[in-house]
C-alpha atoms as a PDB file:
ATOM      1  CA  UNK A   1     -45.478 191.336-144.711  1.00  0.00           C
ATOM      2  CA  UNK A   2     -44.858 193.718-141.845  1.00  0.00           C
ATOM      3  CA  UNK A   3     -46.082 196.804-144.020  1.00  0.00           C
ATOM      4  CA  UNK A   4     -49.256 194.698-145.195  1.00  0.00           C
ATOM      5  CA  UNK A   5     -49.934 193.816-141.351  1.00  0.00           C
ATOM      6  CA  UNK A   6     -49.400 197.556-140.210  1.00  0.00           C
ATOM      7  CA  UNK A   7     -52.049 198.551-143.089  1.00  0.00           C
ATOM      8  CA  UNK A   8     -54.648 195.915-142.072  1.00  0.00           C
ATOM      9  CA  UNK A   9     -54.331 196.898-138.272  1.00  0.00           C
ATOM     10  CA  UNK A  10     -55.022 200.565-138.652  1.00  0.00           C
ATOM     11  CA  UNK A  11     -58.761 200.263-138.453  1.00  0.00           C
ATOM     12  CA  UNK A  12     -58.250 198.393-135.281  1.00  0.00           C
ATOM     13  CA  UNK A  13     -55.591 200.850-133.778  1.00  0.00           C
ATOM     14  CA  UNK A  14     -58.092 203.722-134.571  1.00  0.00           C
ATOM     15  CA  UNK A  15     -60.789 202.160-132.691  1.00  0.00           C
ATOM     16  CA  UNK A  16     -58.822 201.584-129.620  1.00  0.00           C
ATOM     17  CA  UNK A  17     -57.382 205.111-129.867  1.00  0.00           C
ATOM     18  CA  UNK A  18     -61.101 206.415-129.724  1.00  0.00           C
ATOM     19  CA  UNK A  19     -62.063 204.003-126.824  1.00  0.00           C
ATOM     20  CA  UNK A  20     -58.980 205.198-125.117  1.00  0.00           C
ATOM     21  CA  UNK A  21     -59.498 208.931-125.344  1.00  0.00           C
ATOM     22  CA  UNK A  22     -63.162 208.523-124.552  1.00  0.00           C
ATOM     23  CA  UNK A  23     -62.656 206.657-121.357  1.00  0.00           C
ATOM     24  CA  UNK A  24     -60.085 209.188-120.364  1.00  0.00           C
ATOM     25  CA  UNK A  25     -62.404 212.060-121.167  1.00  0.00           C
ATOM     26  CA  UNK A  26     -65.000 210.514-118.723  1.00  0.00           C
ATOM     27  CA  UNK A  27     -62.688 210.897-116.053  1.00  0.00           C
ATOM     28  CA  UNK A  28     -62.156 214.563-116.262  1.00  0.00           C
ATOM     29  CA  UNK A  29     -64.855 216.691-114.749  1.00  0.00           C
ATOM     30  CA  UNK A  30     -65.477 219.879-116.898  1.00  0.00           C
ATOM     31  CA  UNK A  31     -67.000 221.700-113.717  1.00  0.00           C
ATOM     32  CA  UNK A  32     -63.448 222.112-112.426  1.00  0.00           C
ATOM     33  CA  UNK A  33     -63.026 224.652-114.882  1.00  0.00           C
ATOM     34  CA  UNK A  34     -65.493 226.829-113.617  1.00  0.00           C
ATOM     35  CA  UNK A  35     -65.135 226.162-110.002  1.00  0.00           C
ATOM     36  CA  UNK A  36     -61.481 226.379-109.822  1.00  0.00           C
ATOM     37  CA  UNK A  37     -59.914 227.624-112.969  1.00  0.00           C
ATOM     38  CA  UNK A  38     -56.503 228.835-111.676  1.00  0.00           C
ATOM     39  CA  UNK A  39     -54.692 225.470-111.121  1.00  0.00           C
ATOM     40  CA  UNK A  40     -55.811 224.101-114.569  1.00  0.00           C
ATOM     41  CA  UNK A  41     -54.549 227.389-116.174  1.00  0.00           C
ATOM     42  CA  UNK A  42     -51.387 227.119-114.451  1.00  0.00           C
ATOM     43  CA  UNK A  43     -51.051 223.664-115.688  1.00  0.00           C
ATOM     44  CA  UNK A  44     -51.625 224.863-119.246  1.00  0.00           C
ATOM     45  CA  UNK A  45     -49.186 227.678-118.896  1.00  0.00           C
ATOM     46  CA  UNK A  46     -46.450 225.147-117.802  1.00  0.00           C
ATOM     47  CA  UNK A  47     -47.088 222.768-120.637  1.00  0.00           C
ATOM     48  CA  UNK A  48     -48.031 225.226-123.556  1.00  0.00           C
ATOM     49  CA  UNK A  49     -45.456 227.957-122.596  1.00  0.00           C
ATOM     50  CA  UNK A  50     -42.804 226.569-120.201  1.00  0.00           C
ATOM     51  CA  UNK A  51     -42.279 223.268-122.205  1.00  0.00           C
ATOM     52  CA  UNK A  52     -42.517 225.052-125.696  1.00  0.00           C
ATOM     53  CA  UNK A  53     -39.782 227.505-124.589  1.00  0.00           C
ATOM     54  CA  UNK A  54     -37.724 224.997-123.089  1.00  0.00           C
ATOM     55  CA  UNK A  55     -37.733 222.758-126.167  1.00  0.00           C
ATOM     56  CA  UNK A  56     -37.051 225.757-128.517  1.00  0.00           C
ATOM     57  CA  UNK A  57     -34.110 226.803-126.449  1.00  0.00           C
ATOM     58  CA  UNK A  58     -32.641 223.334-126.358  1.00  0.00           C
ATOM     59  CA  UNK A  59     -33.141 222.805-130.270  1.00  0.00           C
ATOM     60  CA  UNK A  60     -31.473 226.166-130.849  1.00  0.00           C
ATOM     61  CA  UNK A  61     -28.656 225.405-128.485  1.00  0.00           C
ATOM     62  CA  UNK A  62     -27.846 222.333-130.555  1.00  0.00           C
ATOM     63  CA  UNK A  63     -27.434 224.518-133.512  1.00  0.00           C
ATOM     64  CA  UNK A  64     -30.449 223.588-135.513  1.00  0.00           C
ATOM     65  CA  UNK A  65     -32.382 226.242-137.530  1.00  0.00           C
ATOM     66  CA  UNK A  66     -35.128 228.589-136.146  1.00  0.00           C
ATOM     67  CA  UNK A  67     -37.851 226.715-138.437  1.00  0.00           C
ATOM     68  CA  UNK A  68     -36.762 223.324-136.938  1.00  0.00           C
ATOM     69  CA  UNK A  69     -36.813 224.680-133.328  1.00  0.00           C
ATOM     70  CA  UNK A  70     -40.336 226.031-133.900  1.00  0.00           C
ATOM     71  CA  UNK A  71     -41.899 222.901-135.354  1.00  0.00           C
ATOM     72  CA  UNK A  72     -40.290 220.805-132.501  1.00  0.00           C
ATOM     73  CA  UNK A  73     -41.444 222.950-129.673  1.00  0.00           C
ATOM     74  CA  UNK A  74     -44.874 223.059-131.268  1.00  0.00           C
ATOM     75  CA  UNK A  75     -45.063 219.255-131.570  1.00  0.00           C
ATOM     76  CA  UNK A  76     -43.855 219.258-127.733  1.00  0.00           C
ATOM     77  CA  UNK A  77     -46.791 221.719-126.586  1.00  0.00           C
ATOM     78  CA  UNK A  78     -48.762 218.786-125.042  1.00  0.00           C
ATOM     79  CA  UNK A  79     -48.633 215.982-123.025  1.00  0.00           C
ATOM     80  CA  UNK A  80     -50.131 212.455-123.829  1.00  0.00           C
ATOM     81  CA  UNK A  81     -51.284 209.119-122.444  1.00  0.00           C
ATOM     82  CA  UNK A  82     -47.802 208.487-120.673  1.00  0.00           C
ATOM     83  CA  UNK A  83     -48.738 211.369-118.254  1.00  0.00           C
ATOM     84  CA  UNK A  84     -51.674 209.419-117.069  1.00  0.00           C
ATOM     85  CA  UNK A  85     -49.600 206.344-116.132  1.00  0.00           C
ATOM     86  CA  UNK A  86     -47.188 208.674-114.296  1.00  0.00           C
ATOM     87  CA  UNK A  87     -49.688 210.487-112.297  1.00  0.00           C
ATOM     88  CA  UNK A  88     -51.427 207.202-111.270  1.00  0.00           C
ATOM     89  CA  UNK A  89     -48.052 205.913-110.284  1.00  0.00           C
ATOM     90  CA  UNK A  90     -47.245 208.996-108.310  1.00  0.00           C
ATOM     91  CA  UNK A  91     -50.580 208.890-106.410  1.00  0.00           C
ATOM     92  CA  UNK A  92     -50.104 205.259-105.714  1.00  0.00           C
ATOM     93  CA  UNK A  93     -46.470 205.708-104.249  1.00  0.00           C
ATOM     94  CA  UNK A  94     -47.818 208.982-102.182  1.00  0.00           C
ATOM     95  CA  UNK A  95     -45.728 211.259-104.377  1.00  0.00           C
ATOM     96  CA  UNK A  96     -48.620 213.283-105.633  1.00  0.00           C
ATOM     97  CA  UNK A  97     -51.937 214.302-104.016  1.00  0.00           C
ATOM     98  CA  UNK A  98     -55.242 213.173-105.380  1.00  0.00           C
ATOM     99  CA  UNK A  99     -55.724 216.450-106.782  1.00  0.00           C
ATOM    100  CA  UNK A 100     -53.106 216.016-109.262  1.00  0.00           C
ATOM    101  CA  UNK A 101     -55.224 213.623-111.253  1.00  0.00           C
ATOM    102  CA  UNK A 102     -57.718 216.096-112.785  1.00  0.00           C
ATOM    103  CA  UNK A 103     -54.970 218.734-113.389  1.00  0.00           C
ATOM    104  CA  UNK A 104     -53.016 216.214-115.493  1.00  0.00           C
ATOM    105  CA  UNK A 105     -56.230 214.879-117.041  1.00  0.00           C
ATOM    106  CA  UNK A 106     -57.437 218.366-117.863  1.00  0.00           C
ATOM    107  CA  UNK A 107     -53.998 219.452-119.056  1.00  0.00           C
ATOM    108  CA  UNK A 108     -53.578 216.712-121.393  1.00  0.00           C
ATOM    109  CA  UNK A 109     -56.990 217.055-122.904  1.00  0.00           C
ATOM    110  CA  UNK A 110     -56.767 220.856-123.326  1.00  0.00           C
ATOM    111  CA  UNK A 111     -53.245 220.734-124.770  1.00  0.00           C
ATOM    112  CA  UNK A 112     -54.270 218.039-127.312  1.00  0.00           C
ATOM    113  CA  UNK A 113     -57.048 220.365-128.455  1.00  0.00           C
ATOM    114  CA  UNK A 114     -54.849 223.185-128.512  1.00  0.00           C
ATOM    115  CA  UNK A 115     -51.940 221.559-130.228  1.00  0.00           C
ATOM    116  CA  UNK A 116     -53.202 222.150-133.879  1.00  0.00           C
ATOM    117  CA  UNK A 117     -53.425 226.044-133.113  1.00  0.00           C
ATOM    118  CA  UNK A 118     -49.835 225.764-132.027  1.00  0.00           C
ATOM    119  CA  UNK A 119     -48.947 224.316-135.235  1.00  0.00           C
ATOM    120  CA  UNK A 120     -50.634 226.964-137.077  1.00  0.00           C
ATOM    121  CA  UNK A 121     -48.944 229.559-135.140  1.00  0.00           C
ATOM    122  CA  UNK A 122     -45.646 227.943-135.657  1.00  0.00           C
ATOM    123  CA  UNK A 123     -46.275 227.760-139.400  1.00  0.00           C
ATOM    124  CA  UNK A 124     -47.125 231.628-139.376  1.00  0.00           C
ATOM    125  CA  UNK A 125     -44.125 232.452-137.683  1.00  0.00           C
ATOM    126  CA  UNK A 126     -41.974 230.508-140.036  1.00  0.00           C
ATOM    127  CA  UNK A 127     -43.517 231.936-143.044  1.00  0.00           C
ATOM    128  CA  UNK A 128     -42.914 235.431-141.602  1.00  0.00           C
ATOM    129  CA  UNK A 129     -39.227 234.808-141.025  1.00  0.00           C
ATOM    130  CA  UNK A 130     -38.923 233.220-144.343  1.00  0.00           C
ATOM    131  CA  UNK A 131     -40.324 236.459-145.888  1.00  0.00           C
ATOM    132  CA  UNK A 132     -37.820 238.450-144.067  1.00  0.00           C
ATOM    133  CA  UNK A 133     -34.831 236.330-145.037  1.00  0.00           C
ATOM    134  CA  UNK A 134     -35.981 236.250-148.709  1.00  0.00           C
ATOM    135  CA  UNK A 135     -34.322 238.937-151.082  1.00  0.00           C
ATOM    136  CA  UNK A 136     -36.733 241.579-152.337  1.00  0.00           C
ATOM    137  CA  UNK A 137     -35.967 240.856-155.823  1.00  0.00           C
ATOM    138  CA  UNK A 138     -37.077 237.106-155.339  1.00  0.00           C
ATOM    139  CA  UNK A 139     -40.127 237.990-153.384  1.00  0.00           C
ATOM    140  CA  UNK A 140     -42.586 237.590-156.282  1.00  0.00           C
ATOM    141  CA  UNK A 141     -40.634 234.887-158.019  1.00  0.00           C
ATOM    142  CA  UNK A 142     -42.099 231.632-159.035  1.00  0.00           C
ATOM    143  CA  UNK A 143     -41.265 228.515-156.931  1.00  0.00           C
ATOM    144  CA  UNK A 144     -38.201 226.707-158.170  1.00  0.00           C
ATOM    145  CA  UNK A 145     -38.585 223.731-160.168  1.00  0.00           C
ATOM    146  CA  UNK A 146     -37.924 220.263-158.712  1.00  0.00           C
ATOM    147  CA  UNK A 147     -34.169 219.301-159.282  1.00  0.00           C
ATOM    148  CA  UNK A 148     -33.377 217.259-162.380  1.00  0.00           C
ATOM    149  CA  UNK A 149     -31.924 213.845-161.838  1.00  0.00           C
ATOM    150  CA  UNK A 150     -28.060 213.901-162.135  1.00  0.00           C
ATOM    151  CA  UNK A 151     -26.741 212.842-165.436  1.00  0.00           C
ATOM    152  CA  UNK A 152     -25.135 209.398-165.814  1.00  0.00           C
ATOM    153  CA  UNK A 153     -21.488 208.829-164.904  1.00  0.00           C
ATOM    154  CA  UNK A 154     -19.198 207.762-167.731  1.00  0.00           C
ATOM    155  CA  UNK A 155     -18.334 204.567-166.346  1.00  0.00           C
ATOM    156  CA  UNK A 156     -18.147 200.979-167.743  1.00  0.00           C
ATOM    157  CA  UNK A 157     -17.642 197.439-166.201  1.00  0.00           C
ATOM    158  CA  UNK A 158     -17.882 198.861-162.712  1.00  0.00           C
ATOM    159  CA  UNK A 159     -19.666 198.009-159.607  1.00  0.00           C
ATOM    160  CA  UNK A 160     -22.487 200.015-158.197  1.00  0.00           C
ATOM    161  CA  UNK A 161     -22.210 200.074-154.351  1.00  0.00           C
ATOM    162  CA  UNK A 162     -25.581 201.251-152.678  1.00  0.00           C
ATOM    163  CA  UNK A 163     -24.884 202.221-149.240  1.00  0.00           C
ATOM    164  CA  UNK A 164     -21.520 203.061-147.525  1.00  0.00           C
ATOM    165  CA  UNK A 165     -22.090 202.245-143.857  1.00  0.00           C
ATOM    166  CA  UNK A 166     -20.308 199.421-141.957  1.00  0.00           C
ATOM    167  CA  UNK A 167     -20.817 196.992-144.579  1.00  0.00           C
ATOM    168  CA  UNK A 168     -20.522 199.115-147.829  1.00  0.00           C
ATOM    169  CA  UNK A 169     -17.369 200.935-146.325  1.00  0.00           C
ATOM    170  CA  UNK A 170     -15.473 197.488-146.060  1.00  0.00           C
ATOM    171  CA  UNK A 171     -16.605 196.505-149.494  1.00  0.00           C
ATOM    172  CA  UNK A 172     -15.615 199.887-151.003  1.00  0.00           C
ATOM    173  CA  UNK A 173     -12.191 199.685-149.424  1.00  0.00           C
ATOM    174  CA  UNK A 174     -11.605 196.266-150.657  1.00  0.00           C
ATOM    175  CA  UNK A 175     -12.859 197.279-154.311  1.00  0.00           C
ATOM    176  CA  UNK A 176     -10.518 200.165-154.127  1.00  0.00           C
ATOM    177  CA  UNK A 177      -7.513 197.931-153.081  1.00  0.00           C
ATOM    178  CA  UNK A 178      -8.145 195.642-155.850  1.00  0.00           C
ATOM    179  CA  UNK A 179      -8.388 198.511-158.435  1.00  0.00           C
ATOM    180  CA  UNK A 180     -11.861 197.765-159.361  1.00  0.00           C
ATOM    181  CA  UNK A 181     -13.852 200.790-160.481  1.00  0.00           C
ATOM    182  CA  UNK A 182     -17.069 201.541-158.558  1.00  0.00           C
ATOM    183  CA  UNK A 183     -19.586 204.221-157.856  1.00  0.00           C
ATOM    184  CA  UNK A 184     -21.175 204.585-154.380  1.00  0.00           C
ATOM    185  CA  UNK A 185     -24.828 205.618-154.208  1.00  0.00           C
ATOM    186  CA  UNK A 186     -25.392 207.400-150.800  1.00  0.00           C
ATOM    187  CA  UNK A 187     -27.690 210.071-149.311  1.00  0.00           C
ATOM    188  CA  UNK A 188     -25.640 211.008-146.153  1.00  0.00           C
ATOM    189  CA  UNK A 189     -24.192 214.324-146.644  1.00  0.00           C
ATOM    190  CA  UNK A 190     -21.014 213.533-144.308  1.00  0.00           C
ATOM    191  CA  UNK A 191     -20.463 210.265-146.041  1.00  0.00           C
ATOM    192  CA  UNK A 192     -20.744 212.074-149.517  1.00  0.00           C
ATOM    193  CA  UNK A 193     -18.153 214.807-148.535  1.00  0.00           C
ATOM    194  CA  UNK A 194     -15.628 212.134-147.258  1.00  0.00           C
ATOM    195  CA  UNK A 195     -16.063 209.998-150.329  1.00  0.00           C
ATOM    196  CA  UNK A 196     -15.558 213.239-152.763  1.00  0.00           C
ATOM    197  CA  UNK A 197     -12.416 214.060-150.735  1.00  0.00           C
ATOM    198  CA  UNK A 198     -11.080 210.618-151.285  1.00  0.00           C
ATOM    199  CA  UNK A 199     -11.776 210.915-155.094  1.00  0.00           C
ATOM    200  CA  UNK A 200     -14.606 208.265-155.212  1.00  0.00           C
ATOM    201  CA  UNK A 201     -17.353 208.443-157.678  1.00  0.00           C
ATOM    202  CA  UNK A 202     -20.546 209.083-155.875  1.00  0.00           C
ATOM    203  CA  UNK A 203     -24.190 209.548-156.720  1.00  0.00           C
ATOM    204  CA  UNK A 204     -26.276 211.459-154.118  1.00  0.00           C
ATOM    205  CA  UNK A 205     -29.659 210.342-153.372  1.00  0.00           C
ATOM    206  CA  UNK A 206     -31.728 207.579-152.150  1.00  0.00           C
ATOM    207  CA  UNK A 207     -31.245 204.536-154.362  1.00  0.00           C
ATOM    208  CA  UNK A 208     -34.877 203.547-154.099  1.00  0.00           C
ATOM    209  CA  UNK A 209     -35.866 206.818-155.808  1.00  0.00           C
ATOM    210  CA  UNK A 210     -36.427 206.386-159.399  1.00  0.00           C
ATOM    211  CA  UNK A 211     -33.809 207.925-161.570  1.00  0.00           C
ATOM    212  CA  UNK A 212     -31.032 207.977-158.718  1.00  0.00           C
ATOM    213  CA  UNK A 213     -29.616 204.316-160.006  1.00  0.00           C
ATOM    214  CA  UNK A 214     -29.742 205.365-163.584  1.00  0.00           C
ATOM    215  CA  UNK A 215     -27.165 207.925-162.933  1.00  0.00           C
ATOM    216  CA  UNK A 216     -24.782 205.405-161.664  1.00  0.00           C
ATOM    217  CA  UNK A 217     -24.726 204.031-165.302  1.00  0.00           C
ATOM    218  CA  UNK A 218     -26.272 200.824-164.030  1.00  0.00           C
ATOM    219  CA  UNK A 219     -26.791 199.493-167.691  1.00  0.00           C
ATOM    220  CA  UNK A 220     -23.059 199.405-168.091  1.00  0.00           C
ATOM    221  CA  UNK A 221     -22.339 197.954-164.719  1.00  0.00           C
ATOM    222  CA  UNK A 222     -20.965 194.458-163.992  1.00  0.00           C
ATOM    223  CA  UNK A 223     -22.456 194.166-160.624  1.00  0.00           C
ATOM    224  CA  UNK A 224     -24.647 195.711-157.941  1.00  0.00           C
ATOM    225  CA  UNK A 225     -23.947 195.589-154.210  1.00  0.00           C
ATOM    226  CA  UNK A 226     -27.004 196.510-152.060  1.00  0.00           C
ATOM    227  CA  UNK A 227     -25.314 197.157-148.646  1.00  0.00           C
ATOM    228  CA  UNK A 228     -28.244 199.026-146.894  1.00  0.00           C
ATOM    229  CA  UNK A 229     -29.918 197.129-143.882  1.00  0.00           C
ATOM    230  CA  UNK A 230     -33.533 198.334-144.658  1.00  0.00           C
ATOM    231  CA  UNK A 231     -35.070 195.319-146.252  1.00  0.00           C
ATOM    232  CA  UNK A 232     -38.010 197.361-147.719  1.00  0.00           C
ATOM    233  CA  UNK A 233     -35.613 199.902-149.686  1.00  0.00           C
ATOM    234  CA  UNK A 234     -33.413 197.257-150.692  1.00  0.00           C
ATOM    235  CA  UNK A 235     -36.146 195.223-152.238  1.00  0.00           C
ATOM    236  CA  UNK A 236     -37.027 198.391-154.248  1.00  0.00           C
ATOM    237  CA  UNK A 237     -33.556 198.735-155.311  1.00  0.00           C
ATOM    238  CA  UNK A 238     -33.154 195.260-156.285  1.00  0.00           C
ATOM    239  CA  UNK A 239     -36.291 195.364-158.285  1.00  0.00           C
ATOM    240  CA  UNK A 240     -35.539 198.511-160.146  1.00  0.00           C
ATOM    241  CA  UNK A 241     -32.067 197.320-160.916  1.00  0.00           C
ATOM    242  CA  UNK A 242     -33.113 193.985-162.235  1.00  0.00           C
ATOM    243  CA  UNK A 243     -35.689 195.863-164.578  1.00  0.00           C
ATOM    244  CA  UNK A 244     -33.013 198.124-165.919  1.00  0.00           C
ATOM    245  CA  UNK A 245     -30.257 195.484-166.526  1.00  0.00           C
ATOM    246  CA  UNK A 246     -31.412 191.794-166.765  1.00  0.00           C
ATOM    247  CA  UNK A 247     -27.802 190.541-166.933  1.00  0.00           C
ATOM    248  CA  UNK A 248     -26.641 192.511-163.820  1.00  0.00           C
ATOM    249  CA  UNK A 249     -25.095 190.460-161.099  1.00  0.00           C
ATOM    250  CA  UNK A 250     -26.989 191.651-157.805  1.00  0.00           C
ATOM    251  CA  UNK A 251     -25.524 191.005-154.354  1.00  0.00           C
ATOM    252  CA  UNK A 252     -27.456 192.095-151.347  1.00  0.00           C
ATOM    253  CA  UNK A 253     -27.328 191.812-147.544  1.00  0.00           C
ATOM    254  CA  UNK A 254     -29.979 190.463-145.102  1.00  0.00           C
ATOM    255  CA  UNK A 255     -30.665 189.803-141.481  1.00  0.00           C
ATOM    256  CA  UNK A 256     -33.529 187.183-141.705  1.00  0.00           C
ATOM    257  CA  UNK A 257     -34.517 184.317-143.584  1.00  0.00           C
ATOM    258  CA  UNK A 258     -37.799 186.095-144.893  1.00  0.00           C
ATOM    259  CA  UNK A 259     -35.656 189.035-146.134  1.00  0.00           C
ATOM    260  CA  UNK A 260     -33.448 186.452-148.034  1.00  0.00           C
ATOM    261  CA  UNK A 261     -36.477 185.048-149.799  1.00  0.00           C
ATOM    262  CA  UNK A 262     -37.967 188.386-150.312  1.00  0.00           C
ATOM    263  CA  UNK A 263     -34.716 189.984-152.175  1.00  0.00           C
ATOM    264  CA  UNK A 264     -34.132 186.809-154.225  1.00  0.00           C
ATOM    265  CA  UNK A 265     -37.835 186.661-155.485  1.00  0.00           C
ATOM    266  CA  UNK A 266     -37.110 190.309-156.586  1.00  0.00           C
ATOM    267  CA  UNK A 267     -34.132 189.249-158.694  1.00  0.00           C
ATOM    268  CA  UNK A 268     -31.073 189.425-156.390  1.00  0.00           C
ATOM    269  CA  UNK A 269     -28.581 186.581-157.501  1.00  0.00           C
ATOM    270  CA  UNK A 270     -26.939 186.314-154.076  1.00  0.00           C
ATOM    271  CA  UNK A 271     -28.166 187.295-150.752  1.00  0.00           C
ATOM    272  CA  UNK A 272     -25.769 187.026-147.944  1.00  0.00           C
ATOM    273  CA  UNK A 273     -27.193 186.886-144.159  1.00  0.00           C
ATOM    274  CA  UNK A 274     -24.748 188.017-141.583  1.00  0.00           C
ATOM    275  CA  UNK A 275     -25.755 185.201-139.081  1.00  0.00           C
ATOM    276  CA  UNK A 276     -24.758 182.581-141.502  1.00  0.00           C
ATOM    277  CA  UNK A 277     -21.486 184.049-142.541  1.00  0.00           C
ATOM    278  CA  UNK A 278     -20.606 184.533-138.696  1.00  0.00           C
ATOM    279  CA  UNK A 279     -21.577 180.733-138.351  1.00  0.00           C
ATOM    280  CA  UNK A 280     -19.390 179.652-141.381  1.00  0.00           C
ATOM    281  CA  UNK A 281     -16.302 181.573-139.905  1.00  0.00           C
ATOM    282  CA  UNK A 282     -16.773 179.850-136.662  1.00  0.00           C
ATOM    283  CA  UNK A 283     -16.942 176.428-138.092  1.00  0.00           C
ATOM    284  CA  UNK A 284     -14.006 177.197-140.509  1.00  0.00           C
ATOM    285  CA  UNK A 285     -11.724 178.051-137.569  1.00  0.00           C
ATOM    286  CA  UNK A 286     -12.900 174.946-135.648  1.00  0.00           C
ATOM    287  CA  UNK A 287     -12.262 172.663-138.620  1.00  0.00           C
ATOM    288  CA  UNK A 288      -8.871 174.309-139.038  1.00  0.00           C
ATOM    289  CA  UNK A 289      -8.216 173.471-135.245  1.00  0.00           C
ATOM    290  CA  UNK A 290      -6.162 176.547-134.644  1.00  0.00           C
ATOM    291  CA  UNK A 291      -6.449 177.316-130.954  1.00  0.00           C
ATOM    292  CA  UNK A 292      -5.368 180.858-130.042  1.00  0.00           C
ATOM    293  CA  UNK A 293      -5.804 182.094-133.738  1.00  0.00           C
ATOM    294  CA  UNK A 294      -7.707 185.416-134.290  1.00  0.00           C
ATOM    295  CA  UNK A 295      -9.668 186.521-137.199  1.00  0.00           C
END
């Protein structure tokens, strides 16, 4: 329902966006570009050059590649509507002079117009850097084909565990303690590395992507545990799993009653909502009348 609501509201959002920028554009006096261009040019220099360089250096300082730094710095080479609120607040509190309003308005409008050019320049620089880093023998090679889906694991009567976060890791530890064979479907590189070091069978990838669940030998599994919190992706996983194995026992998690109904309608046998289990645990301790006991 949330995705449908977002899709239906897109035309209204676009209309309000047009109305907003037209009204803001009417506040800007284009004569200021001819009468006194130096303050506007200084504002543009600070936004397009100063902000861009600062963003690039910060991203590189955190160890990210140059391509990522270029993309982020190009996307930040502008100021948006939040700057209008800040400048109005600054003028109202006597922190900024009245002359700051046209500078901020002009800087915002001109940098928004110039931002596509910044992205084009960023793409050109990235392409040139990629050409330098590519070995000469591969310069004319054809693009690599998309990776083939991983082959199915040789497992039977096992549990397929989708997601190894806070909930999935607890389920996995208990399955391992009981000696139940299981395979984890996960797309986090760090989590995958830890699981491989621990000797756990894993399938790398997003379980909602077609072909990933098949690699977990879903047709021969005894049950599927969907431990990811995203209801939309969990619904896709449940729907695919039910179509691939009609006799599979599917257990999922949820955070709200509509999510429980959604996953159940797609084929989940059991949907556990955290709030309900917390309430049941509290009631169980109250019924046991065990003051001072801890869970």
